[in-house]
């Protein structure tokens, strides 16, 4: 089966093995993409909780540890857009393999870090190239239709979340062993190498097929498709000259193309989508920013209880990802309505938490918030790709990650200021930001519901 999707002026062919007579892309092929996502977050979550303890054991002060952590966040902020756009140019397979291998190098260096300098150096390749999940999501968006994208993305996020839940437990156990941190880092690097092998062995290949016009198939078909300037339905292999693979273009040409694509996104009419993502991200981060401290001050519960409650919410988030299929069918695949309702529910639940009079109200709000935030995160990505178009899905997802990184930088500052007034200050401010996001969505309802592409300039 050939799936056709457009990158700029070239059409790419993604060849996937399917069962004879099957009109849908086989889910057993998609599951082979879910396994690396599970292993990715499983490996990372084993190491990350132990990093502060390790850098302090190397003699670093709290300030130095904070600076290194901030530098990592800044590298992620700027690199996510560039790496995502680069994946649009050279193709998903090679960009994903490069990111996985360079991330493995970073965690291998982390496992050999015996000084603060080596620790800082080990964070550089990871800070620049640890965008494996974003590229995987871009690949999934290329493989599935708009109709099936929320369902597949939800299951992908669920698989990743399971790894994030199990990883810290295994990492904590390994940390108790002699040289436990180093062993954990080497295991994480080995997991990334295993992921590289899995990606390499996937039954698909990529090639350019040159410029050519395609007409859409029957509108009633349910075949998986990708979205270029219009929906391209599954078609048989077409003949034509194979263009030179952009992977082997001059690095300067690739950089120029990346900058051109980023300029196209910056000049497009997508600001409201990213603003909604930023506001909702900050609102949710404000909810969790002082969670343990606020529960202790307001209800006298221990931090251990807050930890159990957050683990409980994470487990419910996995369940929410698996329920996206029935939810999208209930809403007749209207992503805008799902996002609007989930954002409204998130705003209401944060308000309930901010005004809670008992710990049971906190548990209730946390229970439903796990569902609304998981569904909202998936829907905002789907809406970005629907409005912006799949021809730049890597770039769009990269910009979205950068927007979320901005939220992670801004939220602690806003939380600290709001907490000066009240323990309920951060979630109360989050309610206000969520309300602004809801108003923006209502003001742009026509654009969201039209499902038309926003024309990217210079594309």
Protein backbone atom coordinates (compact mmCIF):
# COMPACT_ATOMS: atom_id res chain seq x y z
CA UNK A 1 0.00 0.00 0.00
CA UNK A 2 1.27 3.48 -0.87
CA UNK A 3 0.33 6.46 1.24
CA UNK A 4 1.00 9.77 -0.46
CA UNK A 5 1.71 12.95 1.41
CA UNK A 6 3.23 16.26 0.41
CA UNK A 7 6.35 18.01 1.70
CA UNK A 8 6.57 21.41 0.03
CA UNK A 9 6.89 20.87 -3.71
CA UNK A 10 7.58 17.13 -3.50
CA UNK A 11 5.24 14.27 -2.86
CA UNK A 12 6.49 11.51 -0.58
CA UNK A 13 5.46 7.89 -0.76
CA UNK A 14 5.27 5.91 2.46
CA UNK A 15 5.07 2.22 1.74
CA UNK A 16 3.43 0.12 4.43
CA UNK A 17 2.71 -3.59 4.43
CA UNK A 18 -0.95 -4.42 4.92
CA UNK A 19 -3.08 -7.51 4.86
CA UNK A 20 -4.55 -8.51 1.49
CA UNK A 21 -7.99 -7.08 0.93
CA UNK A 22 -7.78 -4.82 3.97
CA UNK A 23 -9.10 -1.29 3.38
CA UNK A 24 -7.59 0.05 6.57
CA UNK A 25 -3.98 0.34 7.58
CA UNK A 26 -3.42 -2.64 9.87
CA UNK A 27 -3.22 -1.71 13.51
CA UNK A 28 -0.52 -4.30 14.14
CA UNK A 29 1.79 -2.04 12.11
CA UNK A 30 0.83 0.97 14.22
CA UNK A 31 1.46 -1.02 17.39
CA UNK A 32 5.07 -1.39 16.26
CA UNK A 33 5.33 2.38 16.58
CA UNK A 34 3.68 2.36 20.01
CA UNK A 35 6.34 0.05 21.50
CA UNK A 36 9.25 2.49 20.92
CA UNK A 37 7.16 5.30 22.46
CA UNK A 38 6.56 3.18 25.57
CA UNK A 39 10.24 2.27 25.84
CA UNK A 40 11.26 5.90 25.21
CA UNK A 41 9.46 7.35 28.22
CA UNK A 42 10.16 4.24 30.29
CA UNK A 43 13.91 4.76 29.85
CA UNK A 44 13.81 8.54 30.35
CA UNK A 45 11.62 8.36 33.45
CA UNK A 46 14.06 5.90 35.03
CA UNK A 47 16.85 8.47 34.84
CA UNK A 48 15.27 11.92 35.22
CA UNK A 49 14.11 11.60 38.87
CA UNK A 50 17.67 10.60 39.87
CA UNK A 51 19.51 13.38 38.05
CA UNK A 52 19.34 16.06 40.76
CA UNK A 53 20.66 13.63 43.35
CA UNK A 54 23.51 12.63 41.03
CA UNK A 55 24.62 16.14 40.13
CA UNK A 56 24.64 17.12 43.79
CA UNK A 57 26.73 14.05 44.58
CA UNK A 58 29.25 15.39 42.04
CA UNK A 59 29.62 18.54 44.14
CA UNK A 60 27.36 20.93 42.22
CA UNK A 61 25.50 23.63 44.12
CA UNK A 62 21.75 24.13 43.85
CA UNK A 63 22.38 27.12 41.59
CA UNK A 64 24.60 25.17 39.18
CA UNK A 65 22.10 22.32 39.07
CA UNK A 66 19.33 24.81 38.31
CA UNK A 67 21.35 26.49 35.55
CA UNK A 68 22.06 23.14 33.84
CA UNK A 69 18.38 22.22 34.06
CA UNK A 70 17.39 25.60 32.60
CA UNK A 71 19.89 25.28 29.74
CA UNK A 72 18.36 21.92 28.85
CA UNK A 73 14.91 23.52 28.75
CA UNK A 74 16.16 26.39 26.59
CA UNK A 75 17.78 23.96 24.12
CA UNK A 76 14.49 22.06 23.90
CA UNK A 77 12.61 25.32 23.37
CA UNK A 78 14.62 26.34 20.30
CA UNK A 79 15.49 22.94 18.86
CA UNK A 80 12.00 21.41 18.73
CA UNK A 81 10.84 23.63 15.86
CA UNK A 82 14.06 23.14 13.86
CA UNK A 83 14.16 19.36 14.34
CA UNK A 84 10.46 19.03 13.52
CA UNK A 85 10.91 21.05 10.34
CA UNK A 86 14.03 19.04 9.46
CA UNK A 87 11.96 15.86 9.68
CA UNK A 88 9.61 17.34 7.05
CA UNK A 89 12.59 17.80 4.73
CA UNK A 90 14.67 14.63 5.08
CA UNK A 91 11.80 12.31 5.99
CA UNK A 92 10.57 10.74 9.20
CA UNK A 93 12.64 7.58 9.14
CA UNK A 94 16.09 9.16 8.97
CA UNK A 95 15.28 12.07 11.29
CA UNK A 96 13.75 9.70 13.85
CA UNK A 97 16.77 7.39 13.69
CA UNK A 98 19.16 10.34 14.07
CA UNK A 99 17.27 11.68 17.11
CA UNK A 100 17.14 8.25 18.76
CA UNK A 101 20.85 7.55 18.24
CA UNK A 102 21.98 10.99 19.40
CA UNK A 103 19.73 10.74 22.46
CA UNK A 104 21.31 7.35 23.18
CA UNK A 105 24.73 9.04 22.97
CA UNK A 106 23.59 11.66 25.48
CA UNK A 107 22.43 9.08 28.02
CA UNK A 108 25.61 7.04 27.46
CA UNK A 109 27.69 10.15 28.26
CA UNK A 110 25.48 10.71 31.30
CA UNK A 111 26.38 7.21 32.45
CA UNK A 112 30.09 8.11 32.24
CA UNK A 113 29.76 11.54 33.89
CA UNK A 114 32.02 11.74 36.92
CA UNK A 115 32.29 15.54 36.92
CA UNK A 116 29.78 18.38 36.69
CA UNK A 117 31.28 19.41 33.33
CA UNK A 118 30.73 15.95 31.83
CA UNK A 119 27.18 15.96 33.23
CA UNK A 120 26.50 19.27 31.47
CA UNK A 121 28.04 18.02 28.19
CA UNK A 122 25.84 14.89 28.29
CA UNK A 123 22.72 17.05 28.33
CA UNK A 124 23.59 18.82 25.05
CA UNK A 125 22.73 16.04 22.53
CA UNK A 126 19.61 15.16 24.51
CA UNK A 127 18.53 18.79 24.77
CA UNK A 128 18.87 19.29 21.01
CA UNK A 129 17.67 15.96 19.63
CA UNK A 130 15.32 14.42 22.22
CA UNK A 131 12.25 14.99 20.03
CA UNK A 132 11.61 11.35 19.24
CA UNK A 133 7.99 11.40 20.40
CA UNK A 134 7.17 14.50 18.34
CA UNK A 135 8.57 12.96 15.16
CA UNK A 136 6.73 9.72 15.91
CA UNK A 137 3.49 11.69 16.21
CA UNK A 138 4.24 13.41 12.89
CA UNK A 139 4.77 9.98 11.32
CA UNK A 140 1.45 8.75 12.71
CA UNK A 141 -0.30 11.84 11.34
CA UNK A 142 1.14 10.97 7.92
CA UNK A 143 -0.18 7.42 8.11
CA UNK A 144 -3.75 7.95 9.29
CA UNK A 145 -6.70 10.01 8.17
CA UNK A 146 -8.04 13.03 10.03
CA UNK A 147 -10.97 10.89 11.15
CA UNK A 148 -8.76 8.29 12.83
CA UNK A 149 -5.98 10.59 14.03
CA UNK A 150 -7.37 11.43 17.52
CA UNK A 151 -7.94 7.72 18.22
CA UNK A 152 -4.42 6.72 17.15
CA UNK A 153 -2.80 9.69 18.92
CA UNK A 154 -4.71 8.87 22.09
CA UNK A 155 -3.47 5.30 22.10
CA UNK A 156 0.04 6.49 21.32
CA UNK A 157 -0.06 8.86 24.31
CA UNK A 158 -1.47 6.08 26.49
CA UNK A 159 1.42 3.77 25.57
CA UNK A 160 3.90 6.54 26.38
CA UNK A 161 2.21 7.29 29.70
CA UNK A 162 2.43 3.66 30.82
CA UNK A 163 6.19 3.88 30.36
CA UNK A 164 6.27 7.11 32.38
CA UNK A 165 4.37 5.42 35.22
CA UNK A 166 6.59 2.31 35.39
CA UNK A 167 9.95 3.98 34.75
CA UNK A 168 10.41 5.82 38.09
CA UNK A 169 9.63 2.62 40.03
CA UNK A 170 12.33 0.65 38.20
CA UNK A 171 14.75 3.58 38.38
CA UNK A 172 14.23 3.91 42.12
CA UNK A 173 14.98 0.23 42.60
CA UNK A 174 18.15 0.39 40.48
CA UNK A 175 19.32 3.51 42.34
CA UNK A 176 19.59 1.45 45.52
CA UNK A 177 22.31 -0.70 43.91
CA UNK A 178 26.00 0.19 43.90
CA UNK A 179 26.68 2.69 41.08
CA UNK A 180 22.94 2.56 40.48
CA UNK A 181 22.72 5.86 38.60
CA UNK A 182 25.39 4.84 36.12
CA UNK A 183 23.71 1.48 35.52
CA UNK A 184 20.36 3.19 35.04
CA UNK A 185 21.84 5.61 32.49
CA UNK A 186 23.46 2.79 30.51
CA UNK A 187 20.18 0.86 30.52
CA UNK A 188 18.40 3.97 29.21
CA UNK A 189 20.98 4.33 26.43
CA UNK A 190 20.54 0.64 25.57
CA UNK A 191 16.77 1.13 25.36
CA UNK A 192 17.28 3.94 22.84
CA UNK A 193 19.58 1.72 20.77
CA UNK A 194 16.89 -0.96 20.84
CA UNK A 195 14.35 1.62 19.66
CA UNK A 196 16.66 2.55 16.78
CA UNK A 197 16.72 -1.10 15.73
CA UNK A 198 12.93 -1.34 15.94
CA UNK A 199 12.46 1.78 13.82
CA UNK A 200 14.99 0.54 11.26
CA UNK A 201 13.17 -2.80 10.93
CA UNK A 202 9.70 -1.28 10.48
CA UNK A 203 8.16 -2.52 7.19
CA UNK A 204 8.08 0.82 5.46
CA UNK A 205 10.35 2.84 3.24
CA UNK A 206 10.38 6.40 2.04
CA UNK A 207 11.09 7.88 -1.33
CA UNK A 208 10.39 11.04 -3.29
CA UNK A 209 8.14 10.70 -6.27
CA UNK A 210 8.55 14.13 -7.81
CA UNK A 211 5.83 16.64 -8.50
CA UNK A 212 2.61 15.26 -9.76
CA UNK A 213 -1.08 16.06 -9.58
CA UNK A 214 -3.42 13.70 -7.80
CA UNK A 215 -7.15 13.59 -7.69
CA UNK A 216 -8.99 12.47 -4.58
CA UNK A 217 -10.81 9.17 -4.53
CA UNK A 218 -14.41 8.55 -3.53
CA UNK A 219 -15.47 10.64 -0.56
CA UNK A 220 -17.24 7.69 1.00
CA UNK A 221 -14.11 5.57 1.38
CA UNK A 222 -12.77 4.90 4.88
CA UNK A 223 -9.16 4.30 3.78
CA UNK A 224 -6.48 5.91 5.87
CA UNK A 225 -5.04 8.94 4.12
CA UNK A 226 -2.85 11.93 4.71
CA UNK A 227 -3.69 15.55 4.16
CA UNK A 228 -1.70 17.75 1.81
CA UNK A 229 -3.52 20.67 0.20
CA UNK A 230 -6.53 18.38 0.01
CA UNK A 231 -7.25 14.89 1.35
CA UNK A 232 -5.27 12.35 -0.65
CA UNK A 233 -6.88 8.90 -0.64
CA UNK A 234 -5.07 5.61 -0.99
CA UNK A 235 -4.05 4.88 -4.56
CA UNK A 236 -2.03 2.32 -6.39
CA UNK A 237 1.65 2.92 -7.04
CA UNK A 238 2.17 5.57 -9.72
CA UNK A 239 5.06 5.69 -12.17
CA UNK A 240 7.49 8.57 -12.46
CA UNK A 241 11.04 9.65 -12.04
CA UNK A 242 12.41 9.49 -8.52
CA UNK A 243 13.70 12.83 -7.35
CA UNK A 244 16.99 13.19 -5.56
CA UNK A 245 16.54 12.34 -1.89
CA UNK A 246 16.62 15.50 0.20
CA UNK A 247 18.59 13.61 2.84
CA UNK A 248 21.69 14.00 0.67
CA UNK A 249 21.17 17.69 -0.09
CA UNK A 250 23.76 20.19 1.05
CA UNK A 251 23.42 21.03 4.76
CA UNK A 252 23.16 24.69 3.79
CA UNK A 253 20.21 23.91 1.50
CA UNK A 254 18.54 21.98 4.31
CA UNK A 255 19.09 24.88 6.75
CA UNK A 256 17.69 27.37 4.23
CA UNK A 257 14.64 25.16 3.68
CA UNK A 258 14.11 24.80 7.42
CA UNK A 259 14.22 28.58 7.92
CA UNK A 260 11.82 29.08 5.00
CA UNK A 261 9.32 26.64 6.48
CA UNK A 262 9.56 28.21 9.93
CA UNK A 263 8.95 31.62 8.37
CA UNK A 264 5.89 30.16 6.65
CA UNK A 265 4.50 28.98 10.00
CA UNK A 266 5.30 32.33 11.64
CA UNK A 267 3.48 34.23 8.87
CA UNK A 268 0.45 31.93 8.83
CA UNK A 269 -2.87 32.46 10.57
CA UNK A 270 -2.19 29.90 13.30
CA UNK A 271 -1.42 32.23 16.19
CA UNK A 272 -4.74 31.54 17.93
CA UNK A 273 -4.19 27.75 17.94
CA UNK A 274 -0.79 28.10 19.57
CA UNK A 275 -2.07 30.77 21.98
CA UNK A 276 -4.83 28.39 23.13
CA UNK A 277 -2.21 25.68 23.62
CA UNK A 278 0.02 28.04 25.61
CA UNK A 279 -2.80 29.26 27.87
CA UNK A 280 -4.13 25.78 28.61
CA UNK A 281 -0.60 24.44 29.22
CA UNK A 282 0.15 27.21 31.71
CA UNK A 283 -3.23 26.72 33.41
CA UNK A 284 -2.56 23.00 33.94
CA UNK A 285 1.03 23.64 35.05
CA UNK A 286 -0.25 26.16 37.59
CA UNK A 287 -2.60 23.49 38.94
CA UNK A 288 0.30 21.10 39.56
CA UNK A 289 2.95 23.73 40.42
CA UNK A 290 2.40 23.79 44.19
CA UNK A 291 0.20 20.73 44.47
CA UNK A 292 1.97 18.95 47.33
CA UNK A 293 2.65 22.13 49.32
CA UNK A 294 -0.90 23.44 48.87
CA UNK A 295 -2.46 20.16 50.02
CA UNK A 296 -0.25 20.20 53.13
CA UNK A 297 -1.10 23.81 53.96
CA UNK A 298 -4.82 23.55 53.19
CA UNK A 299 -5.70 20.05 54.41
CA UNK A 300 -2.69 18.90 56.44
CA UNK A 301 -2.00 15.85 54.24
CA UNK A 302 1.52 14.52 53.77
CA UNK A 303 3.47 14.82 50.49
CA UNK A 304 3.28 11.02 50.15
CA UNK A 305 -0.49 11.29 49.70
CA UNK A 306 0.01 13.94 47.01
CA UNK A 307 2.42 11.59 45.23
CA UNK A 308 -0.12 8.76 45.30
CA UNK A 309 -2.80 11.12 44.00
CA UNK A 310 -0.62 12.23 41.07
CA UNK A 311 0.20 8.59 40.21
CA UNK A 312 -3.53 7.84 40.34
CA UNK A 313 -4.17 10.72 37.92
CA UNK A 314 -1.47 9.46 35.56
CA UNK A 315 -3.06 6.00 35.48
CA UNK A 316 -6.45 7.56 34.68
CA UNK A 317 -4.77 9.55 31.90
CA UNK A 318 -3.75 6.27 30.26
CA UNK A 319 -7.37 5.11 30.43
CA UNK A 320 -8.53 8.40 28.92
CA UNK A 321 -6.20 7.89 25.96
CA UNK A 322 -7.78 4.50 25.29
CA UNK A 323 -11.30 6.01 25.43
CA UNK A 324 -10.69 8.62 22.73
CA UNK A 325 -12.16 6.33 20.06
CA UNK A 326 -15.66 6.14 21.61
CA UNK A 327 -15.51 9.82 22.53
CA UNK A 328 -14.69 10.95 18.97
CA UNK A 329 -17.48 8.76 17.61
CA UNK A 330 -19.88 10.29 20.14
CA UNK A 331 -18.91 13.77 18.92
CA UNK A 332 -19.04 12.63 15.27
CA UNK A 333 -15.29 13.34 14.91
CA UNK A 334 -15.73 17.06 15.62
CA UNK A 335 -12.35 17.84 17.21
CA UNK A 336 -13.24 21.46 17.89
CA UNK A 337 -16.26 20.55 20.03
CA UNK A 338 -14.27 17.94 21.96
CA UNK A 339 -11.50 20.46 22.64
CA UNK A 340 -13.96 23.18 23.67
CA UNK A 341 -15.84 20.90 26.04
CA UNK A 342 -12.69 19.34 27.51
CA UNK A 343 -11.17 22.80 28.07
CA UNK A 344 -14.39 23.99 29.72
CA UNK A 345 -14.36 20.92 31.97
CA UNK A 346 -10.68 21.50 32.79
CA UNK A 347 -11.41 25.11 33.74
CA UNK A 348 -14.34 24.02 35.95
CA UNK A 349 -12.30 21.31 37.67
CA UNK A 350 -9.39 23.66 38.42
CA UNK A 351 -11.93 26.08 39.91
CA UNK A 352 -13.37 23.22 42.00
CA UNK A 353 -9.87 22.40 43.27
CA UNK A 354 -9.12 26.05 44.08
CA UNK A 355 -12.33 26.34 46.12
CA UNK A 356 -12.30 22.81 47.61
CA UNK A 357 -13.36 22.58 51.24
CA UNK A 358 -12.32 18.96 51.75
CA UNK A 359 -9.75 16.53 50.42
CA UNK A 360 -12.54 14.52 48.77
CA UNK A 361 -13.30 17.45 46.46
CA UNK A 362 -9.62 17.48 45.50
CA UNK A 363 -9.73 13.75 44.70
CA UNK A 364 -12.89 14.29 42.64
CA UNK A 365 -11.35 17.14 40.66
CA UNK A 366 -8.12 15.17 40.09
CA UNK A 367 -10.09 12.18 38.83
CA UNK A 368 -11.93 14.02 36.09
CA UNK A 369 -9.05 16.41 35.37
CA UNK A 370 -6.94 13.42 34.29
CA UNK A 371 -9.52 12.70 31.57
CA UNK A 372 -10.09 16.30 30.43
CA UNK A 373 -6.39 17.21 30.18
CA UNK A 374 -5.43 14.03 28.32
CA UNK A 375 -8.26 14.50 25.82
CA UNK A 376 -7.48 18.21 25.47
CA UNK A 377 -3.78 17.62 24.73
CA UNK A 378 -4.63 15.14 22.00
CA UNK A 379 -7.30 17.36 20.46
CA UNK A 380 -5.15 20.49 20.33
CA UNK A 381 -2.49 18.54 18.38
CA UNK A 382 -5.17 17.19 16.04
CA UNK A 383 -6.56 20.70 15.52
CA UNK A 384 -3.08 22.07 14.73
CA UNK A 385 -2.62 19.43 12.04
CA UNK A 386 -6.17 19.87 10.70
CA UNK A 387 -5.91 23.65 10.35
CA UNK A 388 -2.24 23.77 9.37
CA UNK A 389 -2.15 20.72 7.10
CA UNK A 390 -0.06 17.57 7.13
CA UNK A 391 2.44 18.91 4.59
CA UNK A 392 4.26 20.53 7.51
CA UNK A 393 3.22 18.25 10.35
CA UNK A 394 6.73 17.96 11.76
CA UNK A 395 7.13 21.74 11.82
CA UNK A 396 3.71 22.23 13.41
CA UNK A 397 4.39 19.68 16.13
CA UNK A 398 7.81 21.22 16.72
CA UNK A 399 6.34 24.69 17.14
CA UNK A 400 3.72 23.24 19.46
CA UNK A 401 6.45 21.70 21.61
CA UNK A 402 8.22 25.07 21.71
CA UNK A 403 4.99 26.72 22.85
CA UNK A 404 4.65 24.15 25.65
CA UNK A 405 8.29 24.79 26.62
CA UNK A 406 7.50 28.50 26.94
CA UNK A 407 4.68 27.52 29.27
CA UNK A 408 7.08 25.48 31.41
CA UNK A 409 9.33 28.53 31.69
CA UNK A 410 6.54 31.01 32.46
CA UNK A 411 4.42 28.87 34.81
CA UNK A 412 6.89 28.65 37.76
CA UNK A 413 7.29 32.44 37.75
CA UNK A 414 3.53 33.05 37.69
CA UNK A 415 3.03 30.38 40.35
CA UNK A 416 5.56 31.99 42.69
CA UNK A 417 3.93 35.40 42.33
CA UNK A 418 0.38 34.06 42.80
CA UNK A 419 1.40 31.95 45.79
CA UNK A 420 2.52 35.08 47.62
CA UNK A 421 -1.17 35.95 47.98
CA UNK A 422 -2.69 32.52 48.71
CA UNK A 423 -2.06 28.78 48.38
CA UNK A 424 -5.05 28.86 46.03
CA UNK A 425 -3.49 31.64 43.96
CA UNK A 426 -1.83 29.51 41.23
CA UNK A 427 -4.93 27.42 40.38
CA UNK A 428 -7.12 30.54 40.54
CA UNK A 429 -4.84 32.22 38.01
CA UNK A 430 -5.02 29.02 35.93
CA UNK A 431 -8.81 29.34 35.86
CA UNK A 432 -8.48 32.84 34.40
CA UNK A 433 -6.06 31.71 31.70
CA UNK A 434 -8.28 28.75 30.78
CA UNK A 435 -11.27 31.11 30.45
CA UNK A 436 -9.28 33.30 28.04
CA UNK A 437 -8.43 30.20 25.97
CA UNK A 438 -12.11 29.21 25.84
CA UNK A 439 -13.07 32.74 24.69
CA UNK A 440 -10.45 32.59 21.93
CA UNK A 441 -11.84 29.24 20.74
CA UNK A 442 -15.36 30.65 20.68
CA UNK A 443 -14.21 33.74 18.77
CA UNK A 444 -12.56 31.55 16.09
CA UNK A 445 -15.28 28.90 15.94
CA UNK A 446 -15.87 29.36 12.21
CA UNK A 447 -12.24 28.68 11.30
CA UNK A 448 -11.99 25.61 13.54
CA UNK A 449 -15.20 24.09 12.24
CA UNK A 450 -14.42 24.71 8.56
CA UNK A 451 -11.54 22.17 8.66
CA UNK A 452 -9.85 24.05 5.83
CA UNK A 453 -6.10 24.46 5.50
CA UNK A 454 -4.54 27.68 6.53
CA UNK A 455 -2.25 28.63 3.66
CA UNK A 456 1.34 28.80 4.92
CA UNK A 457 3.23 31.63 3.28
CA UNK A 458 6.32 30.82 1.23
CA UNK A 459 5.23 27.16 1.02
